[in-house]
Amino acid sequence: MQRLSKRDSFFVGLTLFSMFFGAGNLIFPPFLGAQAGTDTWPAMIGFAMSAIGLPVLGVVAVAQSGGLPVLAGRVSKRFAWLFTLLIYVSIGPGLAIPRTASTSFEMAVSPFWPDAPLWVLCAYSFVFFAVAMLVAFKPEKLTDRLGKALGPILLVLIFVMVAGCFVNAPGGYGVPSRNYTGNVVAQGFVDGYQTMDTIAALNFGIIIALNIQNRGVTDEKSVVRHTIRAGWIAGAVLLVVYSALAHIGAVSGGSFDNYSNGAGVLTNLMSWMYGPAGTALLGLIFVIACLNTCIGLFSCCSEYFSLQWPKIPYRAWVVIFAVISFFVSIAGLNTILAISVPILSAIYPVAIVLIALGLAHRITGKAPLCYPVAVAFTILMSVPGALVQAKLLGGPVAAFFEDLPLYTEGLYWLLPAVLGGVLGALASLLGIGRRRKL
């Protein structure tokens, strides 16, 4: 069986970490710490489950299944095509890619030029996407460029930020506030959605596989095994970094109250510790993190679309996505975040259910209707539920959802999903899905 060296395995895992670790990964753990205060670590348990555990399990499930289209195809071919397309649009030019430019602009430029005119944002986004596009032109080289270069640089800069907090902390943890006054573990779990890593994990495997193959591993089982190993390595690094960011967020939140998001939490702390140099350092961290993720998203989205529509080559898709993302990014960070919340709330439960079914395929594969019925029940709950939570749907529908178990925790779809899986299994046992092969 073909093997990667331990050194290469580590750098492939660090490549996956670099692809995961972008704007949201920097913003949300400190914000969690600032809001949860003395309850930071229980909240981190929930956050780690959804922002680390689910993405790693997503990599495992997709690798074992042979790709997202195969995994989603166990529901139906039409669903597989539509869901896969929706996932790629969400993590691609529709939401995640534009967010990398707008977030890094907010952190690297806005602090030094608060009233910058629109043309500054346009110029920044143009340069940002141009650099990401050039690197993404060779997806098989990402381990050399992200895993061995940009990823380690990012970790060193984050270490400098965290070390300063341990050496010269402004104060201690504050009292829990805002959403973290009830079930903090469940709230942390739901907040982990915002990183978008679970749906990204369903797609990053294709690029990781290319990088493994580029190192001489061509046997399919070996590629799958090393892809899964890369997922566990990335998860371990994410756990360390998230924990450190949550700690400094709790310290910052307990010392300063003038913040509205995770970026403000970090800005307060870095300015207090290092002055203007701290603000510049934080901006550099955001630019590198967002650039890494943007490159990874360009690569996996373009790889998928070039396979679906081969008449348009891979590099042409990279250019297309760069152009679309440029125009979307001009809308600004707040607009993108406002749109992303209901969309993610609708998509994430379906992704979680697919991952769970895929991991248990030795059992669920024997009851083929588990997949379509469980996913159907999940969609029926997650889509209107997301609209209710976003205050876009009210009346009797809102009242119905607000009375559901686990609604306040954002997990109102969980019991219906389990019920759908059980009903699908019973239908299969009765022979309804006997001709359905997965």
Protein backbone atom coordinates (compact mmCIF):
# COMPACT_ATOMS: atom_id res chain seq x y z
CA MET A 1 0.00 0.00 0.00
CA GLN A 2 1.36 3.40 -0.98
CA ARG A 3 2.20 5.75 1.87
CA LEU A 4 3.05 9.38 2.42
CA SER A 5 5.92 10.20 4.74
CA LYS A 6 4.95 11.55 8.15
CA ARG A 7 6.32 14.94 7.09
CA ASP A 8 4.22 15.04 3.92
CA SER A 9 1.14 13.82 5.82
CA PHE A 10 1.55 16.68 8.30
CA PHE A 11 1.88 19.30 5.56
CA VAL A 12 -1.14 17.94 3.68
CA GLY A 13 -3.10 18.19 6.93
CA LEU A 14 -1.81 21.73 7.42
CA THR A 15 -2.95 22.51 3.88
CA LEU A 16 -6.47 21.43 4.80
CA PHE A 17 -6.27 23.51 7.99
CA SER A 18 -5.24 26.55 5.91
CA MET A 19 -8.19 26.00 3.57
CA PHE A 20 -10.58 25.77 6.53
CA PHE A 21 -9.17 28.63 8.57
CA GLY A 22 -10.51 31.84 7.11
CA ALA A 23 -12.49 34.89 8.14
CA GLY A 24 -15.19 33.20 10.19
CA ASN A 25 -12.67 31.00 11.96
CA LEU A 26 -10.89 34.09 13.25
CA ILE A 27 -14.03 36.02 14.15
CA PHE A 28 -16.35 33.54 15.84
CA PRO A 29 -14.21 31.86 18.57
CA PRO A 30 -13.17 35.22 20.12
CA PHE A 31 -16.76 36.44 19.90
CA LEU A 32 -17.90 33.26 21.63
CA GLY A 33 -15.36 33.85 24.41
CA ALA A 34 -16.36 37.49 24.81
CA GLN A 35 -20.06 36.61 25.13
CA ALA A 36 -19.72 33.42 27.18
CA GLY A 37 -17.20 34.84 29.66
CA THR A 38 -16.82 32.45 32.57
CA ASP A 39 -18.84 29.87 30.61
CA THR A 40 -16.39 29.94 27.69
CA TRP A 41 -15.20 26.37 28.01
CA PRO A 42 -18.64 24.70 28.14
CA ALA A 43 -19.56 26.83 25.12
CA MET A 44 -16.35 25.73 23.39
CA ILE A 45 -17.42 22.10 23.75
CA GLY A 46 -20.47 22.80 21.59
CA PHE A 47 -18.51 25.00 19.21
CA ALA A 48 -15.82 22.34 18.77
CA MET A 49 -18.47 19.73 18.01
CA SER A 50 -19.91 21.70 15.07
CA ALA A 51 -16.88 23.72 13.95
CA ILE A 52 -14.27 20.94 14.26
CA GLY A 53 -15.94 17.58 14.77
CA LEU A 54 -18.50 17.90 11.98
CA PRO A 55 -16.00 19.17 9.36
CA VAL A 56 -13.57 16.34 10.17
CA LEU A 57 -16.38 13.78 10.02
CA GLY A 58 -17.50 15.41 6.77
CA VAL A 59 -14.07 14.81 5.26
CA VAL A 60 -14.22 11.19 6.45
CA ALA A 61 -17.76 10.59 5.17
CA VAL A 62 -17.10 12.09 1.73
CA ALA A 63 -13.76 10.30 1.35
CA GLN A 64 -15.29 6.93 2.26
CA SER A 65 -18.28 7.55 -0.03
CA GLY A 66 -16.22 8.53 -3.06
CA GLY A 67 -17.22 12.19 -3.22
CA LEU A 68 -20.13 14.47 -2.37
CA PRO A 69 -22.13 13.66 -5.55
CA VAL A 70 -22.00 9.96 -4.61
CA LEU A 71 -22.99 10.62 -0.99
CA ALA A 72 -25.84 12.96 -1.95
CA GLY A 73 -26.81 10.60 -4.77
CA ARG A 74 -27.98 8.10 -2.19
CA VAL A 75 -30.93 10.45 -1.71
CA SER A 76 -31.62 10.84 -5.44
CA LYS A 77 -29.76 11.94 -8.56
CA ARG A 78 -31.72 15.18 -8.82
CA PHE A 79 -31.11 16.01 -5.18
CA ALA A 80 -27.40 15.24 -5.57
CA TRP A 81 -27.07 17.64 -8.48
CA LEU A 82 -29.07 20.43 -6.84
CA PHE A 83 -27.61 20.10 -3.34
CA THR A 84 -24.02 19.84 -4.59
CA LEU A 85 -24.55 22.90 -6.79
CA LEU A 86 -26.08 24.83 -3.87
CA ILE A 87 -23.17 23.89 -1.62
CA TYR A 88 -20.58 25.02 -4.16
CA VAL A 89 -22.40 28.30 -4.81
CA SER A 90 -22.66 28.95 -1.05
CA ILE A 91 -19.01 28.29 -0.26
CA GLY A 92 -18.03 29.82 -3.57
CA PRO A 93 -18.97 33.07 -5.28
CA GLY A 94 -22.34 33.39 -3.55
CA LEU A 95 -21.17 33.85 0.05
CA ALA A 96 -17.89 32.49 1.35
CA ILE A 97 -15.42 33.73 -1.29
CA PRO A 98 -16.69 37.35 -1.29
CA ARG A 99 -16.61 37.24 2.53
CA THR A 100 -12.86 36.56 2.47
CA ALA A 101 -12.19 39.85 0.68
CA SER A 102 -14.69 41.98 2.56
CA THR A 103 -13.62 40.67 5.99
CA SER A 104 -9.90 41.11 5.36
CA PHE A 105 -10.61 44.64 4.04
CA GLU A 106 -12.50 45.48 7.24
CA MET A 107 -9.51 44.36 9.32
CA ALA A 108 -6.54 45.43 7.20
CA VAL A 109 -7.71 48.72 5.65
CA SER A 110 -10.72 50.13 7.55
CA PRO A 111 -8.88 50.63 10.89
CA PHE A 112 -6.37 52.91 9.14
CA TRP A 113 -8.83 54.47 6.68
CA PRO A 114 -12.24 54.45 8.40
CA ASP A 115 -14.03 56.54 5.75
CA ALA A 116 -12.37 54.95 2.73
CA PRO A 117 -14.37 55.60 -0.47
CA LEU A 118 -15.83 52.73 -2.47
CA TRP A 119 -13.00 52.73 -4.99
CA VAL A 120 -10.56 51.67 -2.23
CA LEU A 121 -12.64 48.57 -1.50
CA CYS A 122 -12.84 47.86 -5.23
CA ALA A 123 -9.06 48.20 -5.64
CA TYR A 124 -8.37 46.00 -2.60
CA SER A 125 -10.80 43.28 -3.74
CA PHE A 126 -9.32 43.33 -7.25
CA VAL A 127 -5.77 42.77 -5.97
CA PHE A 128 -6.90 40.21 -3.37
CA PHE A 129 -8.78 38.07 -5.89
CA ALA A 130 -6.05 38.44 -8.51
CA VAL A 131 -3.43 37.00 -6.12
CA ALA A 132 -5.76 34.18 -5.00
CA MET A 133 -6.62 33.41 -8.62
CA LEU A 134 -2.97 33.09 -9.68
CA VAL A 135 -2.18 30.68 -6.84
CA ALA A 136 -5.36 28.65 -7.47
CA PHE A 137 -4.37 28.09 -11.11
CA LYS A 138 -2.28 25.12 -9.87
CA PRO A 139 -4.43 23.31 -7.28
CA GLU A 140 -2.05 20.34 -7.08
CA LYS A 141 0.62 22.71 -5.69
CA LEU A 142 -1.39 23.96 -2.71
CA THR A 143 0.53 21.81 -0.21
CA ASP A 144 3.73 23.63 -1.20
CA ARG A 145 2.12 27.07 -1.11
CA LEU A 146 -0.38 26.78 1.75
CA GLY A 147 0.79 23.84 3.84
CA LYS A 148 4.48 24.71 3.78
CA ALA A 149 4.40 28.52 3.47
CA LEU A 150 1.28 30.54 4.24
CA GLY A 151 -0.12 28.09 6.81
CA PRO A 152 2.98 28.10 9.08
CA ILE A 153 3.31 31.89 8.75
CA LEU A 154 -0.30 32.26 9.89
CA LEU A 155 0.26 30.00 12.90
CA VAL A 156 3.35 31.98 13.95
CA LEU A 157 1.41 35.27 13.79
CA ILE A 158 -1.48 33.80 15.80
CA PHE A 159 1.05 32.56 18.38
CA VAL A 160 2.40 36.10 18.74
CA MET A 161 -1.15 37.37 19.34
CA VAL A 162 -1.96 34.67 21.90
CA ALA A 163 1.41 34.92 23.68
CA GLY A 164 0.91 38.63 24.23
CA CYS A 165 -2.41 37.93 25.95
CA PHE A 166 -0.82 35.45 28.36
CA VAL A 167 2.11 37.76 29.15
CA ASN A 168 0.19 41.04 29.41
CA ALA A 169 -3.53 40.34 29.82
CA PRO A 170 -5.74 43.37 30.55
CA GLY A 171 -8.01 41.44 32.92
CA GLY A 172 -9.95 38.23 33.47
CA TYR A 173 -13.07 36.58 32.06
CA GLY A 174 -16.30 38.57 32.20
CA VAL A 175 -19.80 37.45 33.10
CA PRO A 176 -21.86 35.53 30.49
CA SER A 177 -24.00 37.82 28.38
CA ARG A 178 -26.31 37.95 25.37
CA ASN A 179 -27.08 34.45 24.07
CA TYR A 180 -24.92 32.63 26.60
CA THR A 181 -27.26 32.68 29.56
CA GLY A 182 -29.10 29.43 28.85
CA ASN A 183 -27.80 26.18 27.34
CA VAL A 184 -24.31 27.38 26.49
CA VAL A 185 -23.21 24.08 24.92
CA ALA A 186 -26.12 24.14 22.44
CA GLN A 187 -25.52 27.83 21.70
CA GLY A 188 -21.86 27.13 21.00
CA PHE A 189 -22.88 24.28 18.69
CA VAL A 190 -25.18 26.53 16.64
CA ASP A 191 -22.61 29.33 16.52
CA GLY A 192 -20.18 26.86 14.98
CA TYR A 193 -22.35 26.86 11.84
CA GLN A 194 -21.05 30.31 10.97
CA THR A 195 -17.56 29.04 10.15
CA MET A 196 -19.14 27.25 7.14
CA ASP A 197 -16.53 24.49 7.55
CA THR A 198 -18.95 21.56 7.57
CA ILE A 199 -20.28 22.36 4.11
CA ALA A 200 -16.75 23.29 2.97
CA ALA A 201 -15.53 19.89 4.21
CA LEU A 202 -17.91 18.20 1.79
CA ASN A 203 -15.89 19.73 -1.07
CA PHE A 204 -12.28 20.19 0.05
CA GLY A 205 -11.48 16.49 -0.24
CA ILE A 206 -11.18 16.70 -4.01
CA ILE A 207 -8.28 19.18 -3.73
CA ILE A 208 -6.58 17.29 -0.88
CA ALA A 209 -6.75 14.14 -3.02
CA LEU A 210 -5.03 15.98 -5.89
CA ASN A 211 -2.20 17.05 -3.58
CA ILE A 212 -1.80 13.51 -2.24
CA GLN A 213 -1.68 12.13 -5.77
CA ASN A 214 0.88 14.78 -6.69
CA ARG A 215 3.17 13.18 -4.11
CA GLY A 216 3.10 9.82 -5.83
CA VAL A 217 0.17 8.15 -4.07
CA THR A 218 -2.18 6.91 -6.77
CA ASP A 219 -3.85 3.87 -5.19
CA GLU A 220 -7.48 4.86 -4.50
CA LYS A 221 -7.64 3.29 -1.03
CA SER A 222 -4.38 4.96 -0.04
CA VAL A 223 -5.63 8.34 -1.24
CA VAL A 224 -8.80 7.92 0.82
CA ARG A 225 -6.81 6.87 3.90
CA HIS A 226 -4.44 9.83 3.65
CA THR A 227 -7.32 12.23 3.01
CA ILE A 228 -8.96 11.07 6.24
CA ARG A 229 -5.65 11.42 8.08
CA ALA A 230 -5.34 14.98 6.77
CA GLY A 231 -8.79 15.68 8.21
CA TRP A 232 -7.74 14.53 11.69
CA ILE A 233 -4.52 16.57 11.56
CA ALA A 234 -6.43 19.68 10.47
CA GLY A 235 -8.96 19.08 13.25
CA ALA A 236 -6.25 18.86 15.91
CA VAL A 237 -4.67 22.14 14.78
CA LEU A 238 -8.08 23.81 14.66
CA LEU A 239 -8.84 22.70 18.23
CA VAL A 240 -5.64 24.26 19.57
CA VAL A 241 -6.12 27.52 17.64
CA TYR A 242 -9.84 27.85 18.46
CA SER A 243 -9.20 27.26 22.15
CA ALA A 244 -6.52 29.95 22.20
CA LEU A 245 -8.77 32.41 20.35
CA ALA A 246 -11.70 31.70 22.67
CA HIS A 247 -9.46 32.39 25.68
CA ILE A 248 -8.22 35.73 24.41
CA GLY A 249 -11.78 36.61 23.41
CA ALA A 250 -12.99 35.93 26.94
CA VAL A 251 -10.19 38.10 28.33
CA SER A 252 -10.94 40.91 25.88
CA GLY A 253 -14.70 40.72 26.48
CA GLY A 254 -14.15 40.88 30.23
CA SER A 255 -12.01 44.01 29.85
CA PHE A 256 -13.67 45.95 27.04
CA ASP A 257 -17.37 46.26 26.25
CA ASN A 258 -17.22 48.25 23.00
CA TYR A 259 -17.48 45.37 20.53
CA SER A 260 -20.19 44.16 18.17
CA ASN A 261 -18.45 41.14 16.61
CA GLY A 262 -15.34 38.99 16.86
CA ALA A 263 -13.28 41.42 14.84
CA GLY A 264 -13.99 44.16 17.40
CA VAL A 265 -13.06 41.80 20.25
CA LEU A 266 -9.64 41.11 18.72
CA THR A 267 -9.07 44.74 17.73
CA ASN A 268 -9.65 45.92 21.31
CA LEU A 269 -7.17 43.43 22.71
CA MET A 270 -4.44 43.89 20.08
CA SER A 271 -4.64 47.67 20.33
CA TRP A 272 -4.32 47.49 24.13
CA MET A 273 -1.34 45.09 24.00
CA TYR A 274 0.65 46.38 21.04
CA GLY A 275 -0.84 49.73 20.05
CA PRO A 276 -1.01 50.59 16.31
CA ALA A 277 1.42 47.75 15.58
CA GLY A 278 -1.11 45.33 17.05
CA THR A 279 -3.82 46.57 14.70
CA ALA A 280 -1.46 46.12 11.75
CA LEU A 281 -0.50 42.61 12.92
CA LEU A 282 -4.15 41.65 13.26
CA GLY A 283 -4.86 42.95 9.77
CA LEU A 284 -2.01 40.83 8.37
CA ILE A 285 -3.37 37.73 10.14
CA PHE A 286 -6.79 38.31 8.59
CA VAL A 287 -5.38 38.87 5.10
CA ILE A 288 -3.34 35.64 5.16
CA ALA A 289 -6.16 33.57 6.68
CA CYS A 290 -8.72 34.89 4.21
CA LEU A 291 -6.35 34.49 1.28
CA ASN A 292 -5.67 30.86 2.18
CA THR A 293 -9.38 30.06 2.32
CA CYS A 294 -10.12 31.99 -0.86
CA ILE A 295 -7.47 29.99 -2.74
CA GLY A 296 -8.88 26.72 -1.45
CA LEU A 297 -12.43 27.69 -2.38
CA PHE A 298 -11.42 28.84 -5.85
CA SER A 299 -9.69 25.50 -6.36
CA CYS A 300 -12.41 23.11 -5.17
CA CYS A 301 -15.26 25.03 -6.83
CA SER A 302 -13.45 25.33 -10.15
CA GLU A 303 -12.42 21.66 -10.06
CA TYR A 304 -16.04 20.60 -9.57
CA PHE A 305 -17.48 22.91 -12.25
CA SER A 306 -14.81 21.90 -14.77
CA LEU A 307 -15.83 18.27 -14.26
CA GLN A 308 -19.52 19.07 -14.67
CA TRP A 309 -19.05 21.35 -17.68
CA PRO A 310 -15.74 20.18 -19.25
CA LYS A 311 -16.05 22.49 -22.25
CA ILE A 312 -15.03 25.31 -19.91
CA PRO A 313 -11.52 24.54 -18.53
CA TYR A 314 -10.52 24.72 -14.88
CA ARG A 315 -8.63 28.02 -15.14
CA ALA A 316 -11.53 29.68 -16.93
CA TRP A 317 -13.79 28.75 -14.01
CA VAL A 318 -11.28 30.28 -11.59
CA VAL A 319 -11.47 33.54 -13.53
CA ILE A 320 -15.28 33.42 -13.68
CA PHE A 321 -15.56 32.91 -9.93
CA ALA A 322 -13.02 35.65 -9.26
CA VAL A 323 -15.03 38.14 -11.31
CA ILE A 324 -18.36 37.20 -9.70
CA SER A 325 -16.84 37.27 -6.20
CA PHE A 326 -15.33 40.70 -6.87
CA PHE A 327 -18.73 42.24 -7.57
CA VAL A 328 -20.45 40.48 -4.66
CA SER A 329 -17.71 41.57 -2.23
CA ILE A 330 -18.43 45.23 -3.01
CA ALA A 331 -21.77 44.83 -1.20
CA GLY A 332 -19.80 44.87 2.06
CA LEU A 333 -19.29 42.51 4.99
CA ASN A 334 -22.50 43.33 6.89
CA THR A 335 -24.69 42.65 3.86
CA ILE A 336 -22.97 39.34 3.13
CA LEU A 337 -23.24 38.19 6.76
CA ALA A 338 -26.93 39.15 6.92
CA ILE A 339 -27.67 37.04 3.85
CA SER A 340 -25.51 34.11 4.92
CA VAL A 341 -27.21 33.40 8.26
CA PRO A 342 -30.60 32.10 6.99
CA ILE A 343 -28.97 30.25 4.08
CA LEU A 344 -26.54 28.45 6.38
CA SER A 345 -29.30 27.66 8.87
CA ALA A 346 -31.22 25.94 6.05
CA ILE A 347 -28.27 24.06 4.50
CA TYR A 348 -26.32 22.97 7.57
CA PRO A 349 -28.88 20.50 9.02
CA VAL A 350 -29.07 18.70 5.66
CA ALA A 351 -25.28 18.48 5.50
CA ILE A 352 -25.13 17.13 9.06
CA VAL A 353 -27.75 14.46 8.32
CA LEU A 354 -25.91 13.39 5.16
CA ILE A 355 -22.64 13.10 7.06
CA ALA A 356 -24.28 11.02 9.81
CA LEU A 357 -25.91 8.71 7.28
CA GLY A 358 -22.68 8.40 5.32
CA LEU A 359 -20.64 7.47 8.40
CA ALA A 360 -23.22 4.80 9.28
CA HIS A 361 -23.55 3.53 5.71
CA ARG A 362 -22.80 -0.06 6.67
CA ILE A 363 -26.13 0.06 8.50
CA THR A 364 -28.10 2.73 6.62
CA GLY A 365 -27.06 1.28 3.26
CA LYS A 366 -29.10 -1.81 4.10
CA ALA A 367 -32.20 0.40 4.47
CA PRO A 368 -31.98 2.58 1.32
CA LEU A 369 -34.97 4.77 2.13
CA CYS A 370 -33.21 6.08 5.25
CA TYR A 371 -31.41 8.62 3.07
CA PRO A 372 -34.29 10.23 1.14
CA VAL A 373 -36.83 10.17 3.98
CA ALA A 374 -34.44 11.53 6.62
CA VAL A 375 -33.23 14.28 4.28
CA ALA A 376 -36.81 15.13 3.23
CA PHE A 377 -37.91 15.52 6.85
CA THR A 378 -34.85 17.64 7.54
CA ILE A 379 -35.50 19.97 4.60
CA LEU A 380 -39.15 20.37 5.55
CA MET A 381 -38.00 21.67 8.93
CA SER A 382 -34.75 23.49 8.20
CA VAL A 383 -35.90 25.74 5.35
CA PRO A 384 -39.01 27.33 6.96
CA GLY A 385 -37.28 27.21 10.37
CA ALA A 386 -34.39 29.24 9.02
CA LEU A 387 -36.82 31.82 7.64
CA VAL A 388 -38.58 32.02 11.02
CA GLN A 389 -35.31 32.50 12.90
CA ALA A 390 -34.30 35.22 10.45
CA LYS A 391 -37.66 36.98 11.09
CA LEU A 392 -38.58 36.55 7.41
CA LEU A 393 -41.57 34.35 8.18
CA GLY A 394 -44.13 34.93 10.93
CA GLY A 395 -47.74 34.18 11.80
CA PRO A 396 -48.94 30.63 12.53
CA VAL A 397 -45.82 29.11 10.95
CA ALA A 398 -43.54 31.03 13.32
CA ALA A 399 -45.72 30.10 16.29
CA PHE A 400 -45.53 26.43 15.28
CA PHE A 401 -41.75 26.42 15.08
CA GLU A 402 -41.27 28.41 18.28
CA ASP A 403 -43.19 25.71 20.16
CA LEU A 404 -41.02 22.87 18.83
CA PRO A 405 -38.55 21.06 21.11
CA LEU A 406 -34.96 22.40 20.82
CA TYR A 407 -36.11 25.51 18.90
CA THR A 408 -34.24 27.92 21.15
CA GLU A 409 -31.11 25.79 20.74
CA GLY A 410 -31.47 25.89 16.94
CA LEU A 411 -31.77 22.09 16.78
CA TYR A 412 -35.52 21.86 16.09
CA TRP A 413 -34.79 19.79 12.95
CA LEU A 414 -32.97 17.02 14.84
CA LEU A 415 -35.92 14.94 16.09
CA PRO A 416 -37.77 15.09 12.72
CA ALA A 417 -34.54 13.97 10.98
CA VAL A 418 -34.24 10.98 13.32
CA LEU A 419 -37.93 10.20 12.81
CA GLY A 420 -37.47 10.33 9.05
CA GLY A 421 -34.53 7.95 9.24
CA VAL A 422 -36.52 5.48 11.35
CA LEU A 423 -39.54 5.66 9.01
CA GLY A 424 -37.26 5.19 6.01
CA ALA A 425 -35.69 2.13 7.63
CA LEU A 426 -39.12 0.65 8.38
CA ALA A 427 -40.27 1.30 4.80
CA SER A 428 -37.16 -0.47 3.50
CA LEU A 429 -37.75 -3.44 5.78
CA LEU A 430 -41.28 -3.69 4.40
CA GLY A 431 -39.79 -3.98 0.94
CA ILE A 432 -40.76 -0.56 -0.42
CA GLY A 433 -37.17 0.31 -1.29
CA ARG A 434 -36.10 -3.20 -2.31
CA ARG A 435 -35.18 -2.18 -5.84
CA ARG A 436 -33.33 0.93 -4.71
CA LYS A 437 -29.56 0.32 -4.71
CA LEU A 438 -27.11 2.77 -3.14
